[in-house]
């Protein structure tokens, strides 16, 4: 849900908030929900301050909001290293930290193919589809759907940004994995 790239932003980096924290614009989650249905309870494991969770709740989903950081309205939980123990066997909807997207994908696939999580959707840069390491993963576990934004998302604006609002120069897509689906459909939203 948020772009919290842990370990990427260094103290003193000009113009970059600590941990590269950027909230997901509501339009991104709205577009996902116009194209996908999820179980009645959804897990948001990188919830940040709740941008994706708020949109899900507005669409009558129950949401388990967790994050490695404590933002006050979430459960503090490290998605990558805390033993899972089948705590939340729900669909996952998240904007994983980009610096940890590979690890989030591997953990989610492990949860899905062990029978815990039936479906998950990640908001990712479109170029996430590139790369030799991920190509091997995608050949065995392709996303069921790639929902490409035909209009760029305003992703670079941090909460305290006062400048002109504009769209990003980066292309994004929702990538959706669903247990048992072995073909990939690409759709423009």
N, C-alpha and C. Protein backbone atom coordinates (compact mmCIF):
# COMPACT_ATOMS: atom_id res chain seq x y z
N UNK A 1 0.79 -1.17 0.00
CA UNK A 1 0.00 0.00 0.00
C UNK A 1 0.84 1.25 0.00
N UNK A 2 1.96 1.19 0.62
CA UNK A 2 2.82 2.35 0.58
C UNK A 2 4.15 1.94 -0.01
N UNK A 3 4.86 2.89 -0.52
CA UNK A 3 6.18 2.61 -1.05
C UNK A 3 7.18 2.86 0.06
N UNK A 4 7.36 1.92 0.93
CA UNK A 4 8.30 2.06 2.02
C UNK A 4 9.51 1.23 1.65
N UNK A 5 10.48 1.87 1.04
CA UNK A 5 11.65 1.13 0.59
C UNK A 5 12.68 1.15 1.72
N UNK A 6 12.57 0.19 2.58
CA UNK A 6 13.42 0.13 3.76
C UNK A 6 14.88 0.01 3.37
N UNK A 7 15.69 0.82 4.00
CA UNK A 7 17.11 0.74 3.76
C UNK A 7 17.57 1.46 2.51
N UNK A 8 16.69 2.05 1.72
CA UNK A 8 17.09 2.71 0.50
C UNK A 8 17.41 4.17 0.75
N UNK A 9 16.48 4.89 1.39
CA UNK A 9 16.70 6.31 1.66
C UNK A 9 17.68 6.45 2.81
N UNK A 10 18.67 7.28 2.62
CA UNK A 10 19.65 7.52 3.68
C UNK A 10 19.32 8.83 4.35
N UNK A 11 19.66 8.94 5.62
CA UNK A 11 19.44 10.20 6.31
C UNK A 11 20.20 11.29 5.57
N UNK A 12 19.54 12.40 5.37
CA UNK A 12 20.17 13.51 4.67
C UNK A 12 19.89 13.54 3.18
N UNK A 13 19.28 12.49 2.60
CA UNK A 13 18.91 12.52 1.19
C UNK A 13 17.90 13.64 1.00
N UNK A 14 18.22 14.62 0.17
CA UNK A 14 17.33 15.76 -0.03
C UNK A 14 16.10 15.35 -0.83
N UNK A 15 14.94 15.80 -0.35
CA UNK A 15 13.70 15.56 -1.06
C UNK A 15 13.12 14.17 -0.90
N UNK A 16 13.77 13.33 -0.10
CA UNK A 16 13.26 11.96 0.07
C UNK A 16 12.87 11.77 1.52
N UNK A 17 11.63 11.35 1.77
CA UNK A 17 11.22 11.10 3.15
C UNK A 17 11.92 9.86 3.70
N UNK A 18 11.99 9.79 5.02
CA UNK A 18 12.60 8.62 5.66
C UNK A 18 11.90 7.35 5.17
N UNK A 19 12.64 6.35 4.84
CA UNK A 19 12.15 5.06 4.34
C UNK A 19 11.41 5.19 3.01
N UNK A 20 11.57 6.29 2.29
CA UNK A 20 10.87 6.50 1.01
C UNK A 20 9.38 6.22 1.12
N UNK A 21 8.77 6.77 2.16
CA UNK A 21 7.35 6.51 2.39
C UNK A 21 6.48 7.38 1.48
N UNK A 22 5.75 6.73 0.60
CA UNK A 22 4.79 7.38 -0.29
C UNK A 22 3.50 6.57 -0.22
N UNK A 23 2.37 7.22 -0.01
CA UNK A 23 1.11 6.49 0.05
C UNK A 23 0.59 6.20 -1.35
N UNK A 24 -0.08 5.07 -1.48
CA UNK A 24 -0.70 4.69 -2.74
C UNK A 24 -1.90 5.59 -2.99
N UNK A 25 -2.00 6.20 -4.17
CA UNK A 25 -3.17 7.05 -4.44
C UNK A 25 -4.44 6.20 -4.48
N UNK A 26 -5.54 6.70 -3.92
CA UNK A 26 -6.79 5.93 -3.90
C UNK A 26 -7.21 5.42 -5.28
N UNK A 27 -6.94 6.20 -6.33
CA UNK A 27 -7.36 5.79 -7.68
C UNK A 27 -6.74 4.45 -8.06
N UNK A 28 -5.56 4.14 -7.57
CA UNK A 28 -4.91 2.87 -7.90
C UNK A 28 -5.72 1.69 -7.35
N UNK A 29 -6.14 1.80 -6.10
CA UNK A 29 -6.92 0.72 -5.49
C UNK A 29 -8.32 0.66 -6.08
N UNK A 30 -8.90 1.81 -6.38
CA UNK A 30 -10.23 1.84 -7.02
C UNK A 30 -10.19 1.10 -8.36
N UNK A 31 -9.15 1.33 -9.14
CA UNK A 31 -9.02 0.64 -10.43
C UNK A 31 -8.91 -0.86 -10.24
N UNK A 32 -8.16 -1.29 -9.23
CA UNK A 32 -8.06 -2.72 -8.95
C UNK A 32 -9.44 -3.30 -8.63
N UNK A 33 -10.18 -2.63 -7.74
CA UNK A 33 -11.48 -3.15 -7.30
C UNK A 33 -12.53 -3.09 -8.41
N UNK A 34 -12.32 -2.26 -9.42
CA UNK A 34 -13.21 -2.26 -10.58
C UNK A 34 -12.98 -3.47 -11.48
N UNK A 35 -11.87 -4.18 -11.25
CA UNK A 35 -11.50 -5.30 -12.11
C UNK A 35 -11.33 -6.63 -11.40
N UNK A 36 -11.27 -6.63 -10.10
CA UNK A 36 -11.02 -7.86 -9.34
C UNK A 36 -11.95 -7.93 -8.12
N UNK A 37 -12.30 -9.14 -7.74
CA UNK A 37 -13.04 -9.40 -6.51
C UNK A 37 -12.16 -10.23 -5.59
N UNK A 38 -12.28 -9.98 -4.31
CA UNK A 38 -11.48 -10.68 -3.31
C UNK A 38 -12.39 -11.29 -2.25
N UNK A 39 -11.81 -12.14 -1.42
CA UNK A 39 -12.58 -12.71 -0.32
C UNK A 39 -13.04 -11.58 0.60
N UNK A 40 -14.00 -11.84 1.45
CA UNK A 40 -14.62 -10.78 2.26
C UNK A 40 -13.63 -10.12 3.22
N UNK A 41 -12.58 -10.85 3.60
CA UNK A 41 -11.53 -10.27 4.43
C UNK A 41 -10.23 -10.29 3.64
N UNK A 42 -9.55 -9.16 3.63
CA UNK A 42 -8.31 -9.00 2.87
C UNK A 42 -7.19 -8.62 3.84
N UNK A 43 -6.01 -9.16 3.58
CA UNK A 43 -4.83 -8.84 4.38
C UNK A 43 -3.99 -7.83 3.61
N UNK A 44 -3.64 -6.72 4.24
CA UNK A 44 -2.73 -5.72 3.67
C UNK A 44 -1.45 -5.75 4.50
N UNK A 45 -0.40 -6.49 4.06
CA UNK A 45 0.78 -6.71 4.90
C UNK A 45 1.83 -5.60 4.89
N UNK A 46 1.66 -4.58 4.05
CA UNK A 46 2.58 -3.43 4.02
C UNK A 46 1.72 -2.17 4.03
N UNK A 47 0.89 -2.07 5.06
CA UNK A 47 -0.20 -1.08 5.05
C UNK A 47 0.22 0.36 5.25
N UNK A 48 1.41 0.61 5.76
CA UNK A 48 1.79 2.01 6.00
C UNK A 48 0.72 2.70 6.82
N UNK A 49 0.29 3.86 6.38
CA UNK A 49 -0.72 4.62 7.12
C UNK A 49 -2.15 4.30 6.68
N UNK A 50 -2.34 3.29 5.85
CA UNK A 50 -3.68 2.79 5.57
C UNK A 50 -4.34 3.20 4.28
N UNK A 51 -3.62 3.69 3.29
CA UNK A 51 -4.24 4.17 2.05
C UNK A 51 -5.02 3.07 1.33
N UNK A 52 -4.44 1.91 1.13
CA UNK A 52 -5.15 0.82 0.46
C UNK A 52 -6.25 0.29 1.37
N UNK A 53 -5.95 0.14 2.65
CA UNK A 53 -6.94 -0.38 3.61
C UNK A 53 -8.20 0.48 3.63
N UNK A 54 -8.04 1.80 3.61
CA UNK A 54 -9.22 2.70 3.64
C UNK A 54 -10.12 2.48 2.42
N UNK A 55 -9.53 2.31 1.25
CA UNK A 55 -10.33 2.09 0.04
C UNK A 55 -11.02 0.73 0.12
N UNK A 56 -10.32 -0.29 0.59
CA UNK A 56 -10.93 -1.61 0.73
C UNK A 56 -12.12 -1.56 1.69
N UNK A 57 -11.95 -0.89 2.82
CA UNK A 57 -13.04 -0.76 3.80
C UNK A 57 -14.22 -0.02 3.19
N UNK A 58 -13.95 1.02 2.41
CA UNK A 58 -15.03 1.78 1.75
C UNK A 58 -15.81 0.91 0.77
N UNK A 59 -15.19 -0.19 0.32
CA UNK A 59 -15.85 -1.13 -0.58
C UNK A 59 -16.36 -2.36 0.17
N UNK A 60 -16.55 -2.21 1.46
CA UNK A 60 -17.15 -3.24 2.32
C UNK A 60 -16.30 -4.48 2.54
N UNK A 61 -15.00 -4.37 2.38
CA UNK A 61 -14.12 -5.47 2.75
C UNK A 61 -13.71 -5.29 4.21
N UNK A 62 -13.52 -6.40 4.90
CA UNK A 62 -12.86 -6.37 6.20
C UNK A 62 -11.38 -6.46 5.90
N UNK A 63 -10.57 -5.71 6.63
CA UNK A 63 -9.14 -5.65 6.32
C UNK A 63 -8.30 -5.90 7.56
N UNK A 64 -7.33 -6.80 7.43
CA UNK A 64 -6.30 -6.98 8.45
C UNK A 64 -5.10 -6.18 7.95
N UNK A 65 -4.81 -5.07 8.63
CA UNK A 65 -3.73 -4.17 8.22
C UNK A 65 -2.51 -4.41 9.08
N UNK A 66 -1.42 -4.85 8.44
CA UNK A 66 -0.17 -5.08 9.17
C UNK A 66 0.96 -4.33 8.46
N UNK A 67 2.00 -4.06 9.22
CA UNK A 67 3.18 -3.40 8.66
C UNK A 67 4.35 -3.66 9.59
N UNK A 68 5.55 -3.59 9.07
CA UNK A 68 6.74 -3.77 9.89
C UNK A 68 6.89 -2.61 10.88
N UNK A 69 6.31 -1.46 10.54
CA UNK A 69 6.32 -0.29 11.42
C UNK A 69 4.96 -0.14 12.08
N UNK A 70 4.95 0.50 13.24
CA UNK A 70 3.71 0.77 13.95
C UNK A 70 3.23 2.17 13.58
N UNK A 71 2.12 2.23 12.84
CA UNK A 71 1.55 3.51 12.44
C UNK A 71 0.32 3.86 13.27
N UNK A 72 0.02 3.05 14.29
CA UNK A 72 -1.07 3.37 15.19
C UNK A 72 -2.35 2.61 14.93
N UNK A 73 -2.74 2.45 13.67
CA UNK A 73 -3.98 1.76 13.34
C UNK A 73 -3.73 0.39 12.72
N UNK A 74 -2.55 -0.14 12.86
CA UNK A 74 -2.21 -1.42 12.25
C UNK A 74 -1.62 -2.36 13.28
N UNK A 75 -1.53 -3.62 12.91
CA UNK A 75 -0.83 -4.62 13.71
C UNK A 75 0.62 -4.61 13.25
N UNK A 76 1.56 -4.48 14.19
CA UNK A 76 2.97 -4.51 13.83
C UNK A 76 3.35 -5.97 13.55
N UNK A 77 3.78 -6.22 12.31
CA UNK A 77 4.06 -7.59 11.88
C UNK A 77 5.03 -7.54 10.71
N UNK A 78 6.12 -8.27 10.81
CA UNK A 78 7.10 -8.33 9.73
C UNK A 78 6.71 -9.47 8.80
N UNK A 79 6.15 -9.12 7.65
CA UNK A 79 5.66 -10.10 6.68
C UNK A 79 6.73 -11.08 6.24
N UNK A 80 7.97 -10.63 6.15
CA UNK A 80 9.03 -11.47 5.60
C UNK A 80 9.68 -12.39 6.61
N UNK A 81 9.73 -12.01 7.88
CA UNK A 81 10.50 -12.83 8.82
C UNK A 81 9.70 -13.42 9.98
N UNK A 82 8.51 -12.93 10.23
CA UNK A 82 7.73 -13.48 11.34
C UNK A 82 7.09 -14.80 10.91
N UNK A 83 7.22 -15.84 11.74
CA UNK A 83 6.55 -17.10 11.39
C UNK A 83 5.05 -16.84 11.18
N UNK A 84 4.53 -17.40 10.12
CA UNK A 84 3.17 -17.06 9.73
C UNK A 84 2.11 -17.79 10.54
N UNK A 85 2.23 -19.09 10.70
CA UNK A 85 1.32 -19.90 11.51
C UNK A 85 -0.15 -19.73 11.10
N UNK A 86 -0.41 -19.53 9.82
CA UNK A 86 -1.77 -19.43 9.29
C UNK A 86 -2.63 -18.39 10.00
N UNK A 87 -2.03 -17.30 10.44
CA UNK A 87 -2.78 -16.26 11.16
C UNK A 87 -3.88 -15.64 10.30
N UNK A 88 -3.55 -15.30 9.06
CA UNK A 88 -4.49 -14.57 8.22
C UNK A 88 -4.63 -15.27 6.86
N UNK A 89 -5.49 -16.27 6.76
CA UNK A 89 -5.64 -17.00 5.49
C UNK A 89 -6.57 -16.28 4.52
N UNK A 90 -6.22 -15.06 4.19
CA UNK A 90 -7.06 -14.22 3.35
C UNK A 90 -6.33 -13.86 2.07
N UNK A 91 -7.07 -13.31 1.12
CA UNK A 91 -6.44 -12.72 -0.05
C UNK A 91 -5.57 -11.56 0.41
N UNK A 92 -4.50 -11.29 -0.32
CA UNK A 92 -3.59 -10.19 0.00
C UNK A 92 -3.72 -9.13 -1.08
N UNK A 93 -3.79 -7.88 -0.66
CA UNK A 93 -3.72 -6.73 -1.57
C UNK A 93 -2.71 -5.77 -0.95
N UNK A 94 -1.65 -5.46 -1.70
CA UNK A 94 -0.62 -4.59 -1.14
C UNK A 94 0.21 -3.92 -2.23
N UNK A 95 0.87 -2.88 -1.83
CA UNK A 95 1.90 -2.22 -2.62
C UNK A 95 3.18 -2.50 -1.85
N UNK A 96 3.88 -3.59 -2.18
CA UNK A 96 5.04 -3.97 -1.37
C UNK A 96 6.17 -2.95 -1.50
N UNK A 97 7.02 -2.85 -0.48
CA UNK A 97 8.20 -2.01 -0.62
C UNK A 97 8.98 -2.45 -1.86
N UNK A 98 9.27 -1.53 -2.74
CA UNK A 98 9.90 -1.92 -4.00
C UNK A 98 11.25 -2.59 -3.81
N UNK A 99 11.99 -2.18 -2.79
CA UNK A 99 13.29 -2.80 -2.57
C UNK A 99 13.14 -4.24 -2.06
N UNK A 100 11.95 -4.60 -1.62
CA UNK A 100 11.70 -5.95 -1.11
C UNK A 100 10.63 -6.70 -1.91
N UNK A 101 10.32 -6.22 -3.10
CA UNK A 101 9.24 -6.81 -3.89
C UNK A 101 9.51 -8.28 -4.23
N UNK A 102 10.75 -8.62 -4.55
CA UNK A 102 11.07 -10.03 -4.84
C UNK A 102 10.78 -10.91 -3.63
N UNK A 103 11.20 -10.44 -2.46
CA UNK A 103 10.99 -11.22 -1.24
C UNK A 103 9.49 -11.33 -0.91
N UNK A 104 8.74 -10.23 -1.11
CA UNK A 104 7.29 -10.28 -0.89
C UNK A 104 6.64 -11.28 -1.85
N UNK A 105 7.10 -11.28 -3.09
CA UNK A 105 6.54 -12.21 -4.08
C UNK A 105 6.82 -13.65 -3.66
N UNK A 106 8.05 -13.95 -3.31
CA UNK A 106 8.42 -15.31 -2.92
C UNK A 106 7.63 -15.77 -1.70
N UNK A 107 7.48 -14.88 -0.71
CA UNK A 107 6.72 -15.24 0.50
C UNK A 107 5.25 -15.47 0.16
N UNK A 108 4.67 -14.61 -0.66
CA UNK A 108 3.26 -14.73 -1.03
C UNK A 108 3.01 -16.00 -1.84
N UNK A 109 3.91 -16.30 -2.79
CA UNK A 109 3.76 -17.53 -3.56
C UNK A 109 3.85 -18.75 -2.64
N UNK A 110 4.76 -18.70 -1.67
CA UNK A 110 4.89 -19.80 -0.72
C UNK A 110 3.60 -19.97 0.08
N UNK A 111 3.01 -18.87 0.52
CA UNK A 111 1.75 -18.93 1.27
C UNK A 111 0.61 -19.43 0.38
N UNK A 112 0.60 -19.00 -0.89
CA UNK A 112 -0.47 -19.40 -1.79
C UNK A 112 -0.38 -20.90 -2.10
N UNK A 113 0.81 -21.37 -2.45
CA UNK A 113 0.93 -22.76 -2.86
C UNK A 113 1.04 -23.73 -1.68
N UNK A 114 1.08 -23.20 -0.46
CA UNK A 114 0.95 -24.08 0.72
C UNK A 114 -0.50 -24.14 1.16
N UNK A 115 -1.39 -23.48 0.40
CA UNK A 115 -2.82 -23.56 0.66
C UNK A 115 -3.35 -22.52 1.62
N UNK A 116 -2.54 -21.54 2.01
CA UNK A 116 -2.98 -20.54 2.99
C UNK A 116 -3.67 -19.37 2.32
N UNK A 117 -3.01 -18.75 1.37
CA UNK A 117 -3.54 -17.55 0.69
C UNK A 117 -4.06 -17.95 -0.69
N UNK A 118 -5.35 -17.70 -0.99
CA UNK A 118 -5.89 -18.11 -2.29
C UNK A 118 -5.50 -17.18 -3.45
N UNK A 119 -5.28 -15.90 -3.15
CA UNK A 119 -5.09 -14.92 -4.23
C UNK A 119 -4.34 -13.72 -3.65
N UNK A 120 -3.49 -13.10 -4.47
CA UNK A 120 -2.88 -11.86 -4.01
C UNK A 120 -2.64 -10.92 -5.18
N UNK A 121 -2.69 -9.63 -4.87
CA UNK A 121 -2.50 -8.57 -5.87
C UNK A 121 -1.45 -7.60 -5.34
N UNK A 122 -0.46 -7.33 -6.18
CA UNK A 122 0.61 -6.39 -5.85
C UNK A 122 0.58 -5.23 -6.83
N UNK A 123 0.72 -4.02 -6.31
CA UNK A 123 0.93 -2.85 -7.16
C UNK A 123 2.44 -2.73 -7.36
N UNK A 124 2.87 -2.85 -8.62
CA UNK A 124 4.30 -2.88 -8.92
C UNK A 124 4.62 -2.04 -10.15
N UNK A 125 5.87 -1.68 -10.25
CA UNK A 125 6.33 -1.04 -11.49
C UNK A 125 6.16 -2.06 -12.61
N UNK A 126 5.76 -1.59 -13.77
CA UNK A 126 5.56 -2.50 -14.90
C UNK A 126 6.85 -3.24 -15.25
N UNK A 127 7.98 -2.60 -15.03
CA UNK A 127 9.25 -3.27 -15.36
C UNK A 127 9.58 -4.40 -14.39
N UNK A 128 8.74 -4.64 -13.41
CA UNK A 128 8.91 -5.80 -12.53
C UNK A 128 8.82 -7.09 -13.35
N UNK A 129 8.17 -7.03 -14.51
CA UNK A 129 8.06 -8.21 -15.37
C UNK A 129 9.39 -8.58 -16.02
N UNK A 130 10.37 -7.68 -15.95
CA UNK A 130 11.68 -7.93 -16.55
C UNK A 130 12.59 -8.66 -15.55
N UNK A 131 13.66 -9.18 -16.05
CA UNK A 131 14.70 -9.75 -15.20
C UNK A 131 14.78 -11.26 -15.30
N UNK A 132 16.00 -11.77 -15.33
CA UNK A 132 16.22 -13.21 -15.50
C UNK A 132 15.74 -14.01 -14.31
N UNK A 133 16.00 -13.52 -13.10
CA UNK A 133 15.57 -14.24 -11.90
C UNK A 133 14.04 -14.33 -11.84
N UNK A 134 13.36 -13.21 -12.06
CA UNK A 134 11.90 -13.23 -12.02
C UNK A 134 11.32 -14.00 -13.19
N UNK A 135 12.01 -14.00 -14.35
CA UNK A 135 11.51 -14.76 -15.50
C UNK A 135 11.38 -16.24 -15.13
N UNK A 136 12.34 -16.75 -14.37
CA UNK A 136 12.27 -18.15 -13.93
C UNK A 136 11.06 -18.36 -13.03
N UNK A 137 10.81 -17.42 -12.13
CA UNK A 137 9.65 -17.53 -11.23
C UNK A 137 8.36 -17.43 -12.04
N UNK A 138 8.29 -16.45 -12.96
CA UNK A 138 7.07 -16.23 -13.74
C UNK A 138 6.75 -17.41 -14.65
N UNK A 139 7.76 -18.11 -15.15
CA UNK A 139 7.49 -19.28 -15.99
C UNK A 139 6.79 -20.37 -15.20
N UNK A 140 7.16 -20.52 -13.95
CA UNK A 140 6.53 -21.54 -13.11
C UNK A 140 5.25 -21.03 -12.44
N UNK A 141 5.28 -19.76 -12.02
CA UNK A 141 4.15 -19.16 -11.29
C UNK A 141 3.77 -17.83 -11.93
N UNK A 142 3.18 -17.84 -13.11
CA UNK A 142 2.83 -16.57 -13.77
C UNK A 142 1.68 -15.88 -13.04
N UNK A 143 1.66 -14.55 -13.10
CA UNK A 143 0.47 -13.88 -12.57
C UNK A 143 -0.74 -14.28 -13.43
N UNK A 144 -1.90 -14.35 -12.81
CA UNK A 144 -3.12 -14.66 -13.56
C UNK A 144 -3.52 -13.47 -14.43
N UNK A 145 -3.30 -12.27 -13.88
CA UNK A 145 -3.64 -11.06 -14.61
C UNK A 145 -2.62 -9.96 -14.32
N UNK A 146 -2.31 -9.20 -15.35
CA UNK A 146 -1.51 -7.99 -15.21
C UNK A 146 -2.40 -6.85 -15.68
N UNK A 147 -2.76 -5.97 -14.75
CA UNK A 147 -3.66 -4.85 -15.04
C UNK A 147 -2.81 -3.59 -15.17
N UNK A 148 -2.54 -3.20 -16.41
CA UNK A 148 -1.62 -2.10 -16.70
C UNK A 148 -2.38 -0.78 -16.69
N UNK A 149 -1.86 0.18 -15.96
CA UNK A 149 -2.48 1.51 -15.95
C UNK A 149 -2.19 2.20 -17.27
N UNK A 150 -3.23 2.60 -17.98
CA UNK A 150 -3.03 3.31 -19.24
C UNK A 150 -2.71 4.78 -18.98
N UNK A 151 -3.00 5.25 -17.78
CA UNK A 151 -2.65 6.62 -17.36
C UNK A 151 -1.70 6.48 -16.18
N UNK A 152 -0.66 7.26 -16.17
CA UNK A 152 0.34 7.18 -15.10
C UNK A 152 -0.26 7.60 -13.77
N UNK A 153 0.21 6.96 -12.70
CA UNK A 153 -0.25 7.25 -11.35
C UNK A 153 0.61 8.34 -10.71
N UNK A 154 0.02 9.17 -9.86
CA UNK A 154 0.79 10.21 -9.16
C UNK A 154 1.49 9.63 -7.93
N UNK A 155 2.53 8.84 -8.15
CA UNK A 155 3.16 8.08 -7.06
C UNK A 155 4.28 8.80 -6.33
N UNK A 156 4.81 9.88 -6.88
CA UNK A 156 6.00 10.45 -6.28
C UNK A 156 5.72 11.45 -5.18
N UNK A 157 4.48 11.74 -4.88
CA UNK A 157 4.17 12.79 -3.92
C UNK A 157 4.12 12.25 -2.50
N UNK A 158 5.04 12.72 -1.68
CA UNK A 158 5.04 12.35 -0.28
C UNK A 158 3.96 13.17 0.44
N UNK A 159 3.53 12.75 1.63
CA UNK A 159 2.42 13.42 2.30
C UNK A 159 2.59 14.93 2.51
N UNK A 160 3.82 15.39 2.73
CA UNK A 160 4.03 16.82 2.99
C UNK A 160 4.38 17.61 1.73
N UNK A 161 4.25 17.02 0.55
CA UNK A 161 4.62 17.67 -0.70
C UNK A 161 3.69 18.85 -0.99
N UNK A 162 4.28 20.00 -1.29
CA UNK A 162 3.50 21.22 -1.55
C UNK A 162 3.59 21.69 -3.00
N UNK A 163 4.38 21.04 -3.82
CA UNK A 163 4.59 21.48 -5.19
C UNK A 163 3.46 21.09 -6.12
N UNK A 164 3.68 21.32 -7.41
CA UNK A 164 2.71 20.99 -8.44
C UNK A 164 2.50 19.47 -8.48
N UNK A 165 1.25 19.06 -8.51
CA UNK A 165 0.94 17.64 -8.60
C UNK A 165 1.05 17.20 -10.06
N UNK A 166 1.68 16.09 -10.28
CA UNK A 166 1.81 15.58 -11.63
C UNK A 166 1.85 14.06 -11.59
N UNK A 167 1.80 13.46 -12.74
CA UNK A 167 1.87 12.00 -12.80
C UNK A 167 3.33 11.56 -12.77
N UNK A 168 3.51 10.32 -12.52
CA UNK A 168 4.84 9.74 -12.45
C UNK A 168 5.39 9.48 -13.85
N UNK A 169 6.69 9.37 -13.95
CA UNK A 169 7.30 8.96 -15.21
C UNK A 169 7.44 7.44 -15.27
N UNK A 170 6.97 6.76 -14.23
CA UNK A 170 7.09 5.32 -14.12
C UNK A 170 5.74 4.66 -14.40
N UNK A 171 5.75 3.60 -15.18
CA UNK A 171 4.53 2.85 -15.48
C UNK A 171 4.29 1.82 -14.37
N UNK A 172 3.02 1.69 -13.96
CA UNK A 172 2.64 0.75 -12.90
C UNK A 172 1.58 -0.21 -13.39
N UNK A 173 1.46 -1.33 -12.68
CA UNK A 173 0.41 -2.31 -12.96
C UNK A 173 0.08 -3.05 -11.67
N UNK A 174 -1.15 -3.50 -11.58
CA UNK A 174 -1.52 -4.47 -10.55
C UNK A 174 -1.21 -5.84 -11.14
N UNK A 175 -0.47 -6.65 -10.40
CA UNK A 175 -0.18 -8.02 -10.81
C UNK A 175 -0.90 -8.93 -9.83
N UNK A 176 -1.75 -9.79 -10.38
CA UNK A 176 -2.63 -10.61 -9.56
C UNK A 176 -2.29 -12.09 -9.77
N UNK A 177 -1.99 -12.78 -8.68
CA UNK A 177 -1.76 -14.22 -8.72
C UNK A 177 -2.96 -14.90 -8.08
N UNK A 178 -3.38 -16.00 -8.68
CA UNK A 178 -4.53 -16.74 -8.18
C UNK A 178 -4.20 -18.22 -8.24
N UNK A 179 -4.36 -18.89 -7.11
CA UNK A 179 -4.03 -20.32 -7.03
C UNK A 179 -4.75 -21.09 -8.12
N UNK A 180 -4.00 -21.91 -8.85
CA UNK A 180 -4.57 -22.76 -9.88
C UNK A 180 -4.61 -22.14 -11.27
N UNK A 181 -4.37 -20.84 -11.40
CA UNK A 181 -4.38 -20.19 -12.71
C UNK A 181 -2.95 -20.16 -13.23
N UNK A 182 -2.72 -20.77 -14.38
CA UNK A 182 -1.37 -20.91 -14.94
C UNK A 182 -1.16 -20.12 -16.23
N UNK A 183 -2.15 -19.32 -16.63
CA UNK A 183 -1.99 -18.48 -17.80
C UNK A 183 -2.11 -17.02 -17.37
N UNK A 184 -1.54 -16.15 -18.15
CA UNK A 184 -1.53 -14.73 -17.79
C UNK A 184 -2.31 -13.92 -18.81
N UNK A 185 -3.25 -13.14 -18.31
CA UNK A 185 -4.03 -12.22 -19.13
C UNK A 185 -3.51 -10.81 -18.86
N UNK A 186 -3.33 -10.03 -19.91
CA UNK A 186 -2.92 -8.63 -19.75
C UNK A 186 -4.10 -7.76 -20.13
N UNK A 187 -4.38 -6.81 -19.26
CA UNK A 187 -5.51 -5.92 -19.48
C UNK A 187 -5.08 -4.49 -19.17
N UNK A 188 -5.57 -3.53 -19.94
CA UNK A 188 -5.24 -2.12 -19.70
C UNK A 188 -6.40 -1.47 -18.96
N UNK A 189 -6.07 -0.78 -17.88
CA UNK A 189 -7.10 -0.14 -17.05
C UNK A 189 -6.89 1.36 -16.99
